[in-house]
C-alpha cells in the first residue's frame, strides 16, 4: 500500500471510559461504555465512532463508483449499524450493517453500485473476512 494519509489518535484514561483525541485536535471527546453494556453512558463510544467513519467512507466510495458509471444518484444516504457482542470462543466481535438509500435508481442498479462500493471502500476492504458486513439497499 502506498500511504497517502495517516490519522493519529490517542486514547487516555480507562479505555472505554476514557478520552480520545486526534493529533490535529479535531476529535477531542470523552468515551463511555454504553448503558446497554452496563456502563454509565453519557458520551460517545468506539462503536459509534467506527459507525460514523464507515458510513462516511462508504458514502464516498459509492459516489466514486457512481461517477465512474455516469449514474446520477441524487440525494443518497448511508446508515452504518455497528454491533458488538461476545464470540463463541471468547472475547468480543463486531458486525456491521450498511443501509444505503439511492432514491433515483431502481433496486437492481442501486444494488450493483453498492456492491461495487463495497469493493472500493477502505473500511470494507479492512473488515472483509474479519467481521460480518451486511449490505441493504433501502
Protein backbone atom coordinates (compact mmCIF):
# COMPACT_ATOMS: atom_id res chain seq x y z
CA UNK A 1 0.00 0.00 0.00
CA UNK A 2 1.23 3.48 -0.83
CA UNK A 3 0.18 5.67 2.10
CA UNK A 4 -1.48 8.98 1.22
CA UNK A 5 -2.69 9.96 4.69
CA UNK A 6 -2.32 8.76 8.27
CA UNK A 7 -4.76 9.63 11.06
CA UNK A 8 -3.39 9.53 14.58
CA UNK A 9 -5.46 9.36 17.74
CA UNK A 10 -4.59 8.98 21.40
CA UNK A 11 -6.69 7.15 23.98
CA UNK A 12 -6.18 8.00 27.64
CA UNK A 13 -7.95 7.27 30.89
CA UNK A 14 -9.68 3.96 31.46
CA UNK A 15 -10.09 2.61 27.93
CA UNK A 16 -13.79 2.64 27.07
CA UNK A 17 -14.35 5.02 29.98
CA UNK A 18 -11.68 7.48 28.95
CA UNK A 19 -10.87 10.13 26.42
CA UNK A 20 -9.86 10.12 22.76
CA UNK A 21 -8.23 12.88 20.76
CA UNK A 22 -6.82 13.15 17.26
CA UNK A 23 -3.37 14.62 16.78
CA UNK A 24 -4.85 17.65 14.98
CA UNK A 25 -7.38 18.31 17.78
CA UNK A 26 -10.46 17.92 15.58
CA UNK A 27 -11.57 14.89 17.57
CA UNK A 28 -11.37 15.55 21.31
CA UNK A 29 -14.06 13.75 23.28
CA UNK A 30 -14.81 11.51 26.20
CA UNK A 31 -15.84 7.92 25.57
CA UNK A 32 -18.03 5.83 27.83
CA UNK A 33 -19.32 2.29 27.89
CA UNK A 34 -22.97 2.46 26.78
CA UNK A 35 -25.68 1.73 29.34
CA UNK A 36 -26.71 -1.29 27.24
CA UNK A 37 -23.33 -2.83 28.09
CA UNK A 38 -23.54 -1.99 31.79
CA UNK A 39 -21.65 1.28 31.57
CA UNK A 40 -22.54 4.82 32.55
CA UNK A 41 -23.36 6.04 29.01
CA UNK A 42 -23.47 9.79 28.53
CA UNK A 43 -20.67 10.01 25.93
CA UNK A 44 -19.84 8.53 22.58
CA UNK A 45 -18.24 5.10 22.32
CA UNK A 46 -15.86 3.31 19.95
CA UNK A 47 -18.71 1.62 18.06
CA UNK A 48 -20.37 4.98 17.31
CA UNK A 49 -17.08 6.42 16.11
CA UNK A 50 -16.48 3.37 13.90
CA UNK A 51 -20.04 3.58 12.54
CA UNK A 52 -19.61 7.27 11.66
CA UNK A 53 -16.30 6.62 9.92
CA UNK A 54 -17.58 3.60 8.00
CA UNK A 55 -20.78 5.40 6.89
CA UNK A 56 -18.85 8.44 5.62
CA UNK A 57 -16.19 6.36 3.90
CA UNK A 58 -18.71 4.02 2.25
CA UNK A 59 -20.76 7.02 1.09
CA UNK A 60 -17.67 8.45 -0.60
CA UNK A 61 -16.91 5.09 -2.23
CA UNK A 62 -20.49 4.98 -3.53
CA UNK A 63 -20.08 8.45 -5.08
CA UNK A 64 -16.77 7.42 -6.69
CA UNK A 65 -18.18 4.30 -8.33
CA UNK A 66 -21.30 6.17 -9.44
CA UNK A 67 -19.18 8.85 -11.15
CA UNK A 68 -17.36 6.08 -12.97
CA UNK A 69 -20.63 4.75 -14.38
CA UNK A 70 -22.20 8.13 -15.07
CA UNK A 71 -25.13 7.33 -12.77
CA UNK A 72 -26.97 10.32 -11.31
CA UNK A 73 -27.57 9.32 -7.71
CA UNK A 74 -29.31 12.43 -6.46
CA UNK A 75 -29.54 12.64 -2.67
CA UNK A 76 -28.15 9.50 -1.07
CA UNK A 77 -27.68 8.25 2.48
CA UNK A 78 -25.64 5.56 4.17
CA UNK A 79 -26.53 4.34 7.66
CA UNK A 80 -23.96 2.16 9.41
CA UNK A 81 -25.05 -0.01 12.34
CA UNK A 82 -22.08 -1.38 14.28
CA UNK A 83 -22.92 -4.13 16.76
CA UNK A 84 -20.64 -5.56 19.42
CA UNK A 85 -21.15 -8.92 21.05
CA UNK A 86 -19.46 -11.92 22.56
CA UNK A 87 -17.85 -14.59 20.40
CA UNK A 88 -18.36 -18.33 20.92
CA UNK A 89 -14.66 -18.89 21.54
CA UNK A 90 -14.41 -15.97 23.96
CA UNK A 91 -13.69 -12.32 23.53
CA UNK A 92 -15.75 -9.81 21.61
CA UNK A 93 -16.56 -9.27 17.96
CA UNK A 94 -18.19 -6.72 15.71
CA UNK A 95 -20.78 -6.89 12.96
CA UNK A 96 -21.76 -4.11 10.57
CA UNK A 97 -24.96 -3.42 8.70
CA UNK A 98 -24.84 -0.81 5.94
CA UNK A 99 -28.18 0.53 4.71
CA UNK A 100 -27.88 2.58 1.54
CA UNK A 101 -30.63 4.82 0.16
CA UNK A 102 -30.43 5.79 -3.52
CA UNK A 103 -33.93 7.02 -4.43
CA UNK A 104 -33.22 7.89 -8.10
CA UNK A 105 -32.14 4.39 -9.12
CA UNK A 106 -34.10 1.17 -9.33
CA UNK A 107 -33.19 -1.50 -6.80
CA UNK A 108 -31.03 -3.57 -9.20
CA UNK A 109 -28.95 -0.56 -10.31
CA UNK A 110 -28.59 0.60 -6.72
CA UNK A 111 -27.56 -2.89 -5.55
CA UNK A 112 -24.87 -3.08 -8.26
CA UNK A 113 -23.40 0.26 -7.20
CA UNK A 114 -23.49 -0.73 -3.52
CA UNK A 115 -21.65 -3.97 -4.30
CA UNK A 116 -19.04 -2.03 -6.30
CA UNK A 117 -18.64 0.49 -3.48
CA UNK A 118 -18.08 -2.41 -1.09
CA UNK A 119 -15.09 -3.46 -3.21
CA UNK A 120 -13.63 0.08 -3.22
CA UNK A 121 -14.26 1.31 0.35
CA UNK A 122 -11.16 1.06 2.58
CA UNK A 123 -13.30 0.15 5.60
CA UNK A 124 -14.92 -2.69 3.63
CA UNK A 125 -11.52 -3.88 2.48
CA UNK A 126 -10.17 -3.77 6.04
CA UNK A 127 -13.10 -5.70 7.51
CA UNK A 128 -13.61 -8.23 4.68
CA UNK A 129 -13.16 -11.73 6.03
CA UNK A 130 -12.82 -10.42 9.58
CA UNK A 131 -16.35 -9.35 10.51
CA UNK A 132 -19.80 -9.82 9.03
CA UNK A 133 -20.86 -6.87 6.89
CA UNK A 134 -24.43 -6.87 5.59
CA UNK A 135 -25.39 -4.58 2.69
CA UNK A 136 -29.00 -3.44 2.32
CA UNK A 137 -30.46 -1.17 -0.34
CA UNK A 138 -33.35 0.76 1.19
